[in-house]
């Protein structure tokens, strides 16, 4: 009886990890694209600041802050699901501030 319960428990864990992997992979891809878009928007904001367009740069900064907040929320959910260092896994590079 104990063997059957142990095998059933092991199968349950195996199936649950298989079921979660596509979701985690899609979220890691999302983190990667979000990170690239955030970097591009920061560069665009910096050029506006350099050209003296502070009003539109402030508006861009508000958008950047909201997107960064979403990115951090996604990182937090991935960490709760058991992914260690989700940003470095998404980009394929080691990251210090993760």
Protein backbone atom coordinates (compact mmCIF):
# COMPACT_ATOMS: atom_id res chain seq x y z
CA UNK A 1 0.00 0.00 0.00
CA UNK A 2 2.84 2.37 0.83
CA UNK A 3 4.53 1.62 -2.48
CA UNK A 4 1.38 2.46 -4.43
CA UNK A 5 0.96 5.72 -2.52
CA UNK A 6 4.62 6.61 -3.08
CA UNK A 7 4.40 5.87 -6.82
CA UNK A 8 1.18 7.89 -7.13
CA UNK A 9 2.76 10.82 -5.28
CA UNK A 10 5.84 10.67 -7.52
CA UNK A 11 3.69 10.57 -10.64
CA UNK A 12 1.67 13.55 -9.41
CA UNK A 13 4.82 15.59 -8.88
CA UNK A 14 6.22 14.59 -12.27
CA UNK A 15 3.04 15.53 -14.11
CA UNK A 16 2.74 18.83 -12.28
CA UNK A 17 6.28 19.86 -13.21
CA UNK A 18 5.72 18.89 -16.85
CA UNK A 19 2.50 20.88 -16.93
CA UNK A 20 4.19 24.02 -15.58
CA UNK A 21 7.21 24.08 -17.87
CA UNK A 22 5.48 25.59 -20.97
CA UNK A 23 4.05 28.36 -18.81
CA UNK A 24 7.44 29.12 -17.32
CA UNK A 25 9.09 29.14 -20.75
CA UNK A 26 6.51 31.56 -22.12
CA UNK A 27 6.95 33.82 -19.09
CA UNK A 28 10.73 33.75 -19.52
CA UNK A 29 10.29 34.81 -23.17
CA UNK A 30 8.01 37.59 -21.98
CA UNK A 31 10.64 38.78 -19.50
CA UNK A 32 13.25 38.79 -22.25
CA UNK A 33 11.14 40.88 -24.64
CA UNK A 34 10.07 43.22 -21.84
CA UNK A 35 13.69 43.76 -20.87
CA UNK A 36 14.63 44.63 -24.47
CA UNK A 37 11.70 47.02 -24.86
CA UNK A 38 12.52 48.71 -21.57
CA UNK A 39 16.11 49.25 -22.66
CA UNK A 40 14.98 50.76 -25.98
CA UNK A 41 12.52 53.07 -24.25
CA UNK A 42 15.21 54.24 -21.85
CA UNK A 43 17.49 55.08 -24.76
CA UNK A 44 14.67 56.99 -26.44
CA UNK A 45 13.95 58.89 -23.21
CA UNK A 46 17.64 59.78 -22.84
CA UNK A 47 17.76 61.24 -26.35
CA UNK A 48 14.70 63.37 -25.56
CA UNK A 49 16.41 64.65 -22.43
CA UNK A 50 19.55 65.42 -24.42
CA UNK A 51 17.50 67.44 -26.92
CA UNK A 52 15.76 69.38 -24.17
CA UNK A 53 12.30 67.81 -24.48
CA UNK A 54 11.71 67.40 -20.76
CA UNK A 55 7.91 67.28 -20.85
CA UNK A 56 7.76 64.26 -23.14
CA UNK A 57 10.72 62.70 -21.32
CA UNK A 58 8.77 62.89 -18.05
CA UNK A 59 5.82 61.18 -19.71
CA UNK A 60 8.14 58.46 -21.03
CA UNK A 61 9.63 58.03 -17.56
CA UNK A 62 6.16 57.35 -16.12
CA UNK A 63 5.62 54.64 -18.76
CA UNK A 64 9.04 53.14 -18.03
CA UNK A 65 8.25 53.01 -14.31
CA UNK A 66 4.94 51.21 -14.91
CA UNK A 67 6.58 48.68 -17.24
CA UNK A 68 9.39 48.10 -14.77
CA UNK A 69 6.76 47.48 -12.09
CA UNK A 70 5.13 44.85 -14.33
CA UNK A 71 8.51 43.26 -15.05
CA UNK A 72 9.28 43.00 -11.35
CA UNK A 73 5.88 41.42 -10.71
CA UNK A 74 6.58 38.81 -13.39
CA UNK A 75 10.00 38.15 -11.85
CA UNK A 76 8.39 37.70 -8.46
CA UNK A 77 5.85 35.16 -9.76
CA UNK A 78 8.60 33.23 -11.52
CA UNK A 79 10.66 33.14 -8.33
CA UNK A 80 7.62 31.86 -6.44
CA UNK A 81 7.26 29.10 -9.05
CA UNK A 82 10.83 28.03 -8.36
CA UNK A 83 12.85 29.67 -11.15
CA UNK A 84 16.15 30.89 -9.77
CA UNK A 85 17.32 34.23 -11.21
CA UNK A 86 14.61 34.59 -13.87
CA UNK A 87 16.16 37.58 -15.64
CA UNK A 88 19.50 35.87 -16.19
CA UNK A 89 17.71 32.72 -17.37
CA UNK A 90 15.61 34.77 -19.80
CA UNK A 91 18.55 36.67 -21.27
CA UNK A 92 21.04 33.84 -21.13
CA UNK A 93 23.61 36.05 -19.40
CA UNK A 94 24.65 36.09 -15.76
CA UNK A 95 23.23 39.08 -13.95
CA UNK A 96 24.49 40.66 -10.75
CA UNK A 97 21.38 42.58 -9.69
CA UNK A 98 18.76 39.91 -10.05
